[in-house]
Amino acid sequence: MTNPQTHIVFVDIDPEHEAAFDDWYVNTHLPDILACPGWLDARREKCLEGGPRHVAIYTITGPDAYETPEFNAIKGFGPFSDKVRNFHRIRLTQS
């Protein structure tokens, strides 16, 4: 069994869409993604400096978490896909 990995997503969204984006992320996207096999934990934070404002931090079982039909059905930013910018993703593992 591999060590869990950390998957971090950074994005910006225009201020006029921020409240709706936050609501969708917390009430729709996070429950949907945590229902996918291999997605163990999730939380959101706001970046104070040095990067896009919206940060989602996930714990996953490993790269297989990206390959499930459940994840492929819900990945992305849903109704906000054309509104997010500065998307950046990193993946970490324990050394």
C-alpha atoms as a PDB file:
ATOM      1  CA  MET A   1       0.000   0.000   0.000  1.00  0.00           C
ATOM      2  CA  THR A   2       1.313   3.449  -0.895  1.00  0.00           C
ATOM      3  CA  ASN A   3       1.395   6.431   1.436  1.00  0.00           C
ATOM      4  CA  PRO A   4      -1.481   8.862   1.064  1.00  0.00           C
ATOM      5  CA  GLN A   5      -0.682  11.855  -1.112  1.00  0.00           C
ATOM      6  CA  THR A   6      -1.671  15.492  -0.863  1.00  0.00           C
ATOM      7  CA  HIS A   7      -3.345  17.062  -3.890  1.00  0.00           C
ATOM      8  CA  ILE A   8      -3.544  20.875  -3.802  1.00  0.00           C
ATOM      9  CA  VAL A   9      -5.492  23.065  -6.215  1.00  0.00           C
ATOM     10  CA  PHE A  10      -5.097  26.841  -6.504  1.00  0.00           C
ATOM     11  CA  VAL A  11      -7.477  29.112  -8.444  1.00  0.00           C
ATOM     12  CA  ASP A  12      -8.716  32.668  -8.660  1.00  0.00           C
ATOM     13  CA  ILE A  13     -12.240  33.699  -9.524  1.00  0.00           C
ATOM     14  CA  ASP A  14     -13.615  37.150 -10.212  1.00  0.00           C
ATOM     15  CA  PRO A  15     -15.065  38.807  -7.098  1.00  0.00           C
ATOM     16  CA  GLU A  16     -18.592  38.955  -8.553  1.00  0.00           C
ATOM     17  CA  HIS A  17     -18.653  35.127  -8.679  1.00  0.00           C
ATOM     18  CA  GLU A  18     -16.804  34.442  -5.431  1.00  0.00           C
ATOM     19  CA  ALA A  19     -19.799  33.955  -3.089  1.00  0.00           C
ATOM     20  CA  ALA A  20     -21.553  31.567  -5.505  1.00  0.00           C
ATOM     21  CA  PHE A  21     -18.271  29.705  -6.147  1.00  0.00           C
ATOM     22  CA  ASP A  22     -17.650  29.280  -2.413  1.00  0.00           C
ATOM     23  CA  ASP A  23     -21.186  28.002  -1.892  1.00  0.00           C
ATOM     24  CA  TRP A  24     -20.900  25.511  -4.778  1.00  0.00           C
ATOM     25  CA  TYR A  25     -17.477  24.321  -3.639  1.00  0.00           C
ATOM     26  CA  VAL A  26     -18.503  23.691  -0.025  1.00  0.00           C
ATOM     27  CA  ASN A  27     -22.014  22.344  -0.605  1.00  0.00           C
ATOM     28  CA  THR A  28     -21.636  20.479  -3.904  1.00  0.00           C
ATOM     29  CA  HIS A  29     -18.069  19.873  -5.012  1.00  0.00           C
ATOM     30  CA  LEU A  30     -16.473  18.777  -1.737  1.00  0.00           C
ATOM     31  CA  PRO A  31     -19.231  16.245  -0.881  1.00  0.00           C
ATOM     32  CA  ASP A  32     -19.127  14.933  -4.471  1.00  0.00           C
ATOM     33  CA  ILE A  33     -15.360  14.502  -4.490  1.00  0.00           C
ATOM     34  CA  LEU A  34     -15.251  12.897  -1.051  1.00  0.00           C
ATOM     35  CA  ALA A  35     -17.764  10.323  -2.292  1.00  0.00           C
ATOM     36  CA  CYS A  36     -15.225   9.224  -4.949  1.00  0.00           C
ATOM     37  CA  PRO A  37     -13.003   6.210  -4.263  1.00  0.00           C
ATOM     38  CA  GLY A  38      -9.521   7.245  -3.171  1.00  0.00           C
ATOM     39  CA  TRP A  39     -10.432  10.760  -1.986  1.00  0.00           C
ATOM     40  CA  LEU A  40      -9.989  10.650   1.782  1.00  0.00           C
ATOM     41  CA  ASP A  41     -10.152  14.225   3.074  1.00  0.00           C
ATOM     42  CA  ALA A  42     -10.653  17.766   1.814  1.00  0.00           C
ATOM     43  CA  ARG A  43     -10.502  21.296   3.107  1.00  0.00           C
ATOM     44  CA  ARG A  44     -10.428  24.802   1.685  1.00  0.00           C
ATOM     45  CA  GLU A  45      -8.316  27.756   2.641  1.00  0.00           C
ATOM     46  CA  LYS A  46      -7.675  31.269   1.345  1.00  0.00           C
ATOM     47  CA  CYS A  47      -4.169  32.212   0.253  1.00  0.00           C
ATOM     48  CA  LEU A  48      -3.015  35.405   1.963  1.00  0.00           C
ATOM     49  CA  GLU A  49      -0.123  36.105  -0.412  1.00  0.00           C
ATOM     50  CA  GLY A  50       1.979  34.609  -3.160  1.00  0.00           C
ATOM     51  CA  GLY A  51      -0.593  32.707  -5.168  1.00  0.00           C
ATOM     52  CA  PRO A  52      -4.185  32.345  -6.286  1.00  0.00           C
ATOM     53  CA  ARG A  53      -6.677  33.140  -3.519  1.00  0.00           C
ATOM     54  CA  HIS A  54      -8.667  29.885  -3.396  1.00  0.00           C
ATOM     55  CA  VAL A  55      -6.865  26.760  -2.222  1.00  0.00           C
ATOM     56  CA  ALA A  56      -8.305  23.253  -1.884  1.00  0.00           C
ATOM     57  CA  ILE A  57      -6.215  20.650  -0.080  1.00  0.00           C
ATOM     58  CA  TYR A  58      -7.104  16.992  -0.553  1.00  0.00           C
ATOM     59  CA  THR A  59      -5.704  13.742   0.814  1.00  0.00           C
ATOM     60  CA  ILE A  60      -5.844  10.954  -1.738  1.00  0.00           C
ATOM     61  CA  THR A  61      -4.795   7.305  -1.715  1.00  0.00           C
ATOM     62  CA  GLY A  62      -2.546   7.797  -4.752  1.00  0.00           C
ATOM     63  CA  PRO A  63      -2.701   8.321  -8.509  1.00  0.00           C
ATOM     64  CA  ASP A  64      -5.450   5.708  -8.855  1.00  0.00           C
ATOM     65  CA  ALA A  65      -7.861   8.238  -7.315  1.00  0.00           C
ATOM     66  CA  TYR A  66      -7.737  10.200 -10.606  1.00  0.00           C
ATOM     67  CA  GLU A  67      -8.783   7.199 -12.687  1.00  0.00           C
ATOM     68  CA  THR A  68     -12.186   6.268 -11.275  1.00  0.00           C
ATOM     69  CA  PRO A  69     -15.416   6.798 -13.224  1.00  0.00           C
ATOM     70  CA  GLU A  70     -16.838   8.634 -10.198  1.00  0.00           C
ATOM     71  CA  PHE A  71     -14.008  11.183 -10.194  1.00  0.00           C
ATOM     72  CA  ASN A  72     -14.072  11.607 -13.957  1.00  0.00           C
ATOM     73  CA  ALA A  73     -17.794  12.378 -13.768  1.00  0.00           C
ATOM     74  CA  ILE A  74     -17.359  15.287 -11.318  1.00  0.00           C
ATOM     75  CA  LYS A  75     -13.813  16.640 -11.798  1.00  0.00           C
ATOM     76  CA  GLY A  76     -13.375  20.266 -12.728  1.00  0.00           C
ATOM     77  CA  PHE A  77     -15.172  23.403 -11.679  1.00  0.00           C
ATOM     78  CA  GLY A  78     -18.715  22.633 -12.808  1.00  0.00           C
ATOM     79  CA  PRO A  79     -20.702  25.794 -13.529  1.00  0.00           C
ATOM     80  CA  PHE A  80     -17.602  27.902 -12.856  1.00  0.00           C
ATOM     81  CA  SER A  81     -15.311  26.270 -15.431  1.00  0.00           C
ATOM     82  CA  ASP A  82     -15.310  29.381 -17.618  1.00  0.00           C
ATOM     83  CA  LYS A  83     -14.889  31.715 -14.636  1.00  0.00           C
ATOM     84  CA  VAL A  84     -11.808  30.341 -12.842  1.00  0.00           C
ATOM     85  CA  ARG A  85      -8.343  31.568 -13.733  1.00  0.00           C
ATOM     86  CA  ASN A  86      -4.759  31.052 -12.582  1.00  0.00           C
ATOM     87  CA  PHE A  87      -5.412  27.332 -12.093  1.00  0.00           C
ATOM     88  CA  HIS A  88      -2.452  25.503 -10.617  1.00  0.00           C
ATOM     89  CA  ARG A  89      -2.239  22.006  -9.158  1.00  0.00           C
ATOM     90  CA  ILE A  90       0.507  20.269  -7.180  1.00  0.00           C
ATOM     91  CA  ARG A  91       0.766  16.825  -5.654  1.00  0.00           C
ATOM     92  CA  LEU A  92       2.907  15.960  -2.630  1.00  0.00           C
ATOM     93  CA  THR A  93       3.968  12.773  -0.897  1.00  0.00           C
ATOM     94  CA  GLN A  94       5.760  12.138   2.360  1.00  0.00           C
ATOM     95  CA  SER A  95       9.504  11.751   2.018  1.00  0.00           C
END
